[in-house]
């Protein structure tokens, strides 16, 4: 029986081959690691620390050593706090007053831009989108000037209309204290939010309308459908996926309002605290009262509310409804 030949000695891969293996297996992870490292430090850690902090009593000025575990007490204290519920109510009212008009204006506006203003579509879209990229502070300060009691542009306009013949009696003779009146403070804040985000929603809906096949509109026109009927029976049903995205973003953004009411009404929330949103109260709890644990618990209660409303929105506009499986 012939002896088997000895196995050839195993050669080490060349440097070029090893570098190729390194590039293929490990280099991609190294290149994307800065994002995950930064996210872990500035994104994931604050979220987890906030959840941990919500079960503790802690005054940041006293240092980390003063942190004391108190269980669910922060959540219970928030739920029994009348000011928290008032801020939640204010947030809901302002969110509705600003959220509904955004979409009622943006959807027909996007349809009009798509059908009637195609030659200047880019320019018009850019003009409507401009408020979204403008500084929130600058926008809010401008609206404070507009709503000024004695020298505001809005009151000056109403005074000019009051002196017109025939229709002058429809307008007030005296200046209105927009930011000092309980009936107007919340709509004033909502108007800033509407003005700022209508352009953003218009761009979203315009992208959705442009994705609808033009053959459908052409077939509807051949069948004698009017523009209104095309909008009702073609545009609105096929726009539901974009409506789901836009309304979800509006829910998340409007329930976290801070800059607009803070600048317009001040940190107290204006007259009667009617412009005090939940995020503003959270800021006050941490910054003025120095109770970081209570503020963290408040943030998680708001997170739960936003999550619940998002799930409800998913039931109304989500994929299951779109596919007709419900």
Protein backbone atom coordinates (compact mmCIF):
# COMPACT_ATOMS: atom_id res chain seq x y z
CA UNK A 1 0.00 0.00 0.00
CA UNK A 2 1.47 3.29 -1.08
CA UNK A 3 1.93 5.90 1.59
CA UNK A 4 -0.20 8.99 1.16
CA UNK A 5 1.61 12.08 0.03
CA UNK A 6 2.40 14.60 2.70
CA UNK A 7 0.11 17.68 2.78
CA UNK A 8 1.79 20.74 1.36
CA UNK A 9 2.74 23.35 3.92
CA UNK A 10 0.02 25.95 4.55
CA UNK A 11 1.01 29.29 3.17
CA UNK A 12 0.13 32.55 4.92
CA UNK A 13 -2.01 34.85 2.79
CA UNK A 14 -0.16 37.64 1.16
CA UNK A 15 -0.38 41.18 2.54
CA UNK A 16 -2.52 42.31 -0.38
CA UNK A 17 -4.98 39.46 0.17
CA UNK A 18 -5.20 40.17 3.88
CA UNK A 19 -5.83 43.86 3.17
CA UNK A 20 -8.60 42.90 0.77
CA UNK A 21 -10.24 40.70 3.42
CA UNK A 22 -9.96 43.54 5.95
CA UNK A 23 -11.58 45.99 3.55
CA UNK A 24 -14.40 43.60 2.78
CA UNK A 25 -15.18 42.41 6.33
CA UNK A 26 -14.16 45.12 8.76
CA UNK A 27 -13.69 48.44 6.96
CA UNK A 28 -17.46 49.11 6.44
CA UNK A 29 -18.07 48.80 10.18
CA UNK A 30 -15.21 51.17 10.93
CA UNK A 31 -16.55 53.74 8.48
CA UNK A 32 -20.06 53.73 9.95
CA UNK A 33 -18.92 53.44 13.57
CA UNK A 34 -18.70 57.25 14.15
CA UNK A 35 -22.46 57.54 13.66
CA UNK A 36 -23.22 54.76 16.14
CA UNK A 37 -20.70 56.08 18.65
CA UNK A 38 -22.15 59.59 18.49
CA UNK A 39 -25.70 58.22 18.59
CA UNK A 40 -24.88 56.11 21.65
CA UNK A 41 -23.36 59.11 23.46
CA UNK A 42 -25.75 61.89 22.47
CA UNK A 43 -28.90 59.92 21.60
CA UNK A 44 -29.25 56.56 23.30
CA UNK A 45 -27.59 57.44 26.60
CA UNK A 46 -29.78 60.54 27.28
CA UNK A 47 -32.92 58.50 26.54
CA UNK A 48 -31.94 55.66 28.86
CA UNK A 49 -30.69 58.06 31.54
CA UNK A 50 -33.97 59.98 31.35
CA UNK A 51 -35.91 56.74 31.90
CA UNK A 52 -33.63 55.85 34.82
CA UNK A 53 -33.97 59.36 36.23
CA UNK A 54 -37.77 59.27 36.11
CA UNK A 55 -37.71 56.76 38.99
CA UNK A 56 -35.44 58.92 41.13
CA UNK A 57 -35.59 62.14 43.06
CA UNK A 58 -32.70 64.34 41.99
CA UNK A 59 -31.78 67.98 42.17
CA UNK A 60 -28.92 68.46 39.66
CA UNK A 61 -27.38 71.26 41.72
CA UNK A 62 -26.73 68.74 44.53
CA UNK A 63 -24.65 66.40 42.37
CA UNK A 64 -25.17 62.77 41.36
CA UNK A 65 -24.69 61.60 44.94
CA UNK A 66 -28.04 63.10 45.94
CA UNK A 67 -30.00 60.85 43.55
CA UNK A 68 -32.56 58.77 45.47
CA UNK A 69 -34.74 55.97 44.12
CA UNK A 70 -38.45 56.66 44.73
CA UNK A 71 -40.14 54.25 42.29
CA UNK A 72 -43.32 55.45 40.60
CA UNK A 73 -43.77 58.52 42.81
CA UNK A 74 -42.75 60.99 40.09
CA UNK A 75 -45.38 59.59 37.73
CA UNK A 76 -48.02 59.67 40.48
CA UNK A 77 -47.11 63.26 41.39
CA UNK A 78 -47.45 64.35 37.77
CA UNK A 79 -50.79 62.62 37.35
CA UNK A 80 -52.11 64.32 40.49
CA UNK A 81 -50.77 67.75 39.51
CA UNK A 82 -53.54 70.10 38.20
CA UNK A 83 -50.98 72.24 36.37
CA UNK A 84 -49.74 69.20 34.44
CA UNK A 85 -53.27 68.41 33.29
CA UNK A 86 -53.86 72.07 32.43
CA UNK A 87 -50.68 72.13 30.34
CA UNK A 88 -51.77 68.92 28.63
CA UNK A 89 -55.15 70.46 27.87
CA UNK A 90 -53.51 73.62 26.52
CA UNK A 91 -51.21 71.51 24.35
CA UNK A 92 -54.15 69.55 22.94
CA UNK A 93 -56.16 72.68 22.12
CA UNK A 94 -53.25 74.44 20.45
CA UNK A 95 -52.35 71.22 18.61
CA UNK A 96 -55.88 70.95 17.18
CA UNK A 97 -56.15 74.64 16.36
CA UNK A 98 -52.84 74.54 14.52
CA UNK A 99 -52.84 70.98 13.17
CA UNK A 100 -56.23 70.80 11.44
CA UNK A 101 -55.85 74.06 9.45
CA UNK A 102 -52.39 72.99 8.30
CA UNK A 103 -53.77 70.02 6.39
CA UNK A 104 -57.02 71.68 5.29
CA UNK A 105 -54.90 74.37 3.63
CA UNK A 106 -51.98 72.24 2.44
CA UNK A 107 -53.93 69.53 0.56
CA UNK A 108 -55.98 71.82 -1.73
CA UNK A 109 -52.97 74.12 -2.10
CA UNK A 110 -50.75 71.26 -3.25
CA UNK A 111 -53.45 70.11 -5.68
CA UNK A 112 -53.79 73.65 -7.09
CA UNK A 113 -50.03 73.98 -7.51
CA UNK A 114 -49.87 70.63 -9.29
CA UNK A 115 -52.76 71.29 -11.66
CA UNK A 116 -52.68 75.04 -12.34
CA UNK A 117 -49.20 76.31 -11.54
CA UNK A 118 -46.93 73.78 -13.20
CA UNK A 119 -44.81 76.41 -14.96
CA UNK A 120 -43.89 78.14 -11.68
CA UNK A 121 -44.26 75.10 -9.45
CA UNK A 122 -40.69 75.19 -8.16
CA UNK A 123 -40.81 78.90 -7.28
CA UNK A 124 -44.20 78.72 -5.57
CA UNK A 125 -43.21 75.62 -3.60
CA UNK A 126 -39.99 77.30 -2.46
CA UNK A 127 -41.91 80.39 -1.30
CA UNK A 128 -44.35 78.31 0.72
CA UNK A 129 -41.51 76.24 2.18
CA UNK A 130 -39.52 79.31 3.23
CA UNK A 131 -41.24 79.78 6.64
CA UNK A 132 -40.25 76.24 7.65
CA UNK A 133 -36.53 76.94 7.27
CA UNK A 134 -36.77 80.38 8.87
CA UNK A 135 -35.60 80.77 12.47
CA UNK A 136 -38.39 79.97 14.93
CA UNK A 137 -37.27 82.83 17.17
CA UNK A 138 -37.38 85.32 14.29
CA UNK A 139 -40.83 84.12 13.20
CA UNK A 140 -42.21 84.30 16.75
CA UNK A 141 -40.81 87.77 17.34
CA UNK A 142 -42.42 88.97 14.11
CA UNK A 143 -45.78 87.59 15.21
CA UNK A 144 -45.40 89.25 18.63
CA UNK A 145 -45.03 92.53 16.73
CA UNK A 146 -48.08 91.74 14.62
CA UNK A 147 -50.18 90.99 17.71
CA UNK A 148 -48.91 93.98 19.71
CA UNK A 149 -51.75 95.69 21.58
CA UNK A 150 -51.05 99.37 20.87
CA UNK A 151 -48.83 99.41 17.79
CA UNK A 152 -49.40 96.00 16.23
CA UNK A 153 -49.91 95.69 12.50
CA UNK A 154 -53.06 93.60 12.95
CA UNK A 155 -54.74 96.22 15.13
CA UNK A 156 -53.69 98.97 12.76
CA UNK A 157 -55.27 97.04 9.90
CA UNK A 158 -58.53 96.54 11.82
CA UNK A 159 -58.60 100.25 12.71
CA UNK A 160 -58.22 101.15 9.02
CA UNK A 161 -61.05 98.80 8.07
CA UNK A 162 -63.25 100.26 10.82
CA UNK A 163 -63.22 103.66 9.12
CA UNK A 164 -64.39 102.29 5.78
CA UNK A 165 -67.99 103.10 4.76
CA UNK A 166 -70.64 100.39 4.72
CA UNK A 167 -68.43 97.60 6.16
CA UNK A 168 -66.70 99.60 8.90
CA UNK A 169 -69.21 98.50 11.53
CA UNK A 170 -68.06 94.91 11.17
CA UNK A 171 -64.66 95.70 12.67
CA UNK A 172 -63.87 96.78 16.26
CA UNK A 173 -63.24 100.44 17.03
CA UNK A 174 -60.74 99.73 19.80
CA UNK A 175 -57.51 97.78 19.74
CA UNK A 176 -57.67 94.14 20.75
CA UNK A 177 -55.19 92.81 23.29
CA UNK A 178 -54.51 89.61 21.38
CA UNK A 179 -51.88 88.25 23.76
CA UNK A 180 -53.65 89.46 26.92
CA UNK A 181 -57.10 88.06 26.19
CA UNK A 182 -58.10 84.56 27.23
CA UNK A 183 -60.06 84.06 24.00
CA UNK A 184 -57.19 84.94 21.66
CA UNK A 185 -53.94 83.77 23.27
CA UNK A 186 -54.20 80.14 22.10
CA UNK A 187 -55.32 80.97 18.53
CA UNK A 188 -52.46 83.49 18.36
CA UNK A 189 -49.92 80.78 19.17
CA UNK A 190 -51.65 78.36 16.80
CA UNK A 191 -51.47 80.88 13.95
CA UNK A 192 -47.68 80.97 14.23
CA UNK A 193 -47.51 77.18 14.01
CA UNK A 194 -49.88 77.11 11.03
CA UNK A 195 -47.91 79.76 9.16
CA UNK A 196 -44.66 77.91 9.80
CA UNK A 197 -45.70 74.37 8.84
CA UNK A 198 -48.23 74.83 6.02
CA UNK A 199 -45.38 74.96 3.51
CA UNK A 200 -43.82 71.79 4.88
CA UNK A 201 -47.10 69.88 4.55
CA UNK A 202 -47.70 71.36 1.11
CA UNK A 203 -44.39 69.93 -0.10
CA UNK A 204 -45.28 66.53 1.37
CA UNK A 205 -48.70 66.45 -0.28
CA UNK A 206 -47.32 67.78 -3.55
CA UNK A 207 -44.84 64.90 -3.69
CA UNK A 208 -47.70 62.48 -3.08
CA UNK A 209 -49.89 64.02 -5.78
CA UNK A 210 -47.03 63.91 -8.28
CA UNK A 211 -46.72 60.16 -7.66
CA UNK A 212 -50.33 59.58 -8.74
CA UNK A 213 -50.40 58.36 -12.38
CA UNK A 214 -51.60 61.08 -14.74
CA UNK A 215 -53.54 58.45 -16.70
CA UNK A 216 -56.15 58.42 -13.94
CA UNK A 217 -56.82 62.15 -14.30
CA UNK A 218 -56.89 61.90 -18.08
CA UNK A 219 -59.39 59.04 -17.95
CA UNK A 220 -61.53 60.98 -15.49
CA UNK A 221 -61.46 64.03 -17.76
CA UNK A 222 -62.55 61.89 -20.73
CA UNK A 223 -65.46 60.62 -18.65
CA UNK A 224 -66.49 64.21 -17.93
CA UNK A 225 -65.24 64.52 -14.35
CA UNK A 226 -64.73 68.04 -13.05
CA UNK A 227 -61.62 69.18 -11.21
CA UNK A 228 -63.45 68.92 -7.90
CA UNK A 229 -64.57 65.37 -8.65
CA UNK A 230 -61.03 64.36 -9.64
CA UNK A 231 -59.77 65.81 -6.39
CA UNK A 232 -62.40 64.00 -4.32
CA UNK A 233 -62.39 60.58 -5.97
CA UNK A 234 -58.78 60.28 -7.19
CA UNK A 235 -56.48 62.56 -5.24
CA UNK A 236 -57.82 62.14 -1.71
CA UNK A 237 -58.05 58.30 -1.71
CA UNK A 238 -54.59 57.85 -3.24
CA UNK A 239 -53.10 60.47 -0.94
CA UNK A 240 -53.85 58.52 2.22
CA UNK A 241 -50.29 57.15 2.68
CA UNK A 242 -48.88 60.69 2.59
CA UNK A 243 -51.67 61.86 4.88
CA UNK A 244 -50.61 59.20 7.38
CA UNK A 245 -47.00 60.46 7.34
CA UNK A 246 -47.97 64.14 7.47
CA UNK A 247 -50.49 63.74 10.28
CA UNK A 248 -48.06 61.61 12.29
CA UNK A 249 -45.38 64.29 11.99
CA UNK A 250 -47.94 66.94 12.97
CA UNK A 251 -48.97 64.94 16.04
CA UNK A 252 -45.39 64.54 17.18
CA UNK A 253 -44.47 68.16 16.51
CA UNK A 254 -47.59 69.85 17.90
CA UNK A 255 -47.56 67.88 21.14
CA UNK A 256 -43.97 69.01 21.70
CA UNK A 257 -44.54 72.73 21.12
CA UNK A 258 -42.10 74.91 23.01
CA UNK A 259 -40.45 77.73 21.05
CA UNK A 260 -43.57 79.45 19.69
CA UNK A 261 -45.61 79.63 22.93
CA UNK A 262 -42.50 80.32 25.01
CA UNK A 263 -41.54 83.37 22.95
CA UNK A 264 -45.06 84.69 22.35
CA UNK A 265 -46.56 84.11 25.81
CA UNK A 266 -43.48 83.94 28.03
CA UNK A 267 -42.40 81.19 30.42
CA UNK A 268 -45.58 81.66 32.49
CA UNK A 269 -47.78 80.68 29.56
CA UNK A 270 -49.49 84.05 29.16
CA UNK A 271 -52.77 85.11 30.73
CA UNK A 272 -54.20 82.35 32.91
CA UNK A 273 -51.38 80.04 31.78
CA UNK A 274 -53.46 79.18 28.70
CA UNK A 275 -50.38 78.99 26.45
CA UNK A 276 -48.41 76.84 28.90
CA UNK A 277 -47.67 73.63 26.99
CA UNK A 278 -46.48 70.39 28.55
CA UNK A 279 -42.93 70.84 27.28
CA UNK A 280 -42.88 74.37 28.71
CA UNK A 281 -44.04 73.03 32.08
CA UNK A 282 -41.40 70.32 31.85
CA UNK A 283 -38.78 73.01 31.23
CA UNK A 284 -40.05 75.02 34.20
CA UNK A 285 -40.03 71.95 36.45
CA UNK A 286 -36.39 71.26 35.65
CA UNK A 287 -35.01 74.76 35.24
CA UNK A 288 -36.90 76.70 37.91
CA UNK A 289 -37.96 74.03 40.41
CA UNK A 290 -34.78 71.99 39.98
CA UNK A 291 -36.59 68.63 40.00
CA UNK A 292 -35.02 66.59 37.21
CA UNK A 293 -36.75 63.34 38.15
CA UNK A 294 -40.23 64.88 37.99
CA UNK A 295 -39.44 66.49 34.63
CA UNK A 296 -38.14 63.17 33.25
CA UNK A 297 -41.29 61.37 34.32
CA UNK A 298 -43.33 64.09 32.63
CA UNK A 299 -41.42 63.54 29.39
CA UNK A 300 -42.20 59.81 29.46
CA UNK A 301 -45.89 60.46 30.11
CA UNK A 302 -45.90 62.73 27.07
CA UNK A 303 -44.08 60.02 25.10
CA UNK A 304 -46.79 57.50 26.02
CA UNK A 305 -49.51 59.92 24.90
CA UNK A 306 -47.78 60.59 21.57
CA UNK A 307 -47.31 56.85 21.04
CA UNK A 308 -50.99 56.15 21.72
CA UNK A 309 -52.15 58.88 19.32
CA UNK A 310 -49.71 57.64 16.68
CA UNK A 311 -51.17 54.14 16.96
CA UNK A 312 -54.66 55.61 16.61
CA UNK A 313 -53.54 57.50 13.53
CA UNK A 314 -52.10 54.25 12.19
CA UNK A 315 -55.50 52.62 12.58
CA UNK A 316 -57.13 55.45 10.61
CA UNK A 317 -54.57 55.94 7.83
CA UNK A 318 -52.18 52.99 8.12
CA UNK A 319 -51.43 50.20 5.71
CA UNK A 320 -54.23 47.92 6.87
CA UNK A 321 -56.84 50.53 6.01
CA UNK A 322 -55.12 51.31 2.73
CA UNK A 323 -55.15 47.67 1.66
CA UNK A 324 -58.79 47.31 2.62
CA UNK A 325 -58.13 44.40 4.97
CA UNK A 326 -60.11 45.92 7.85
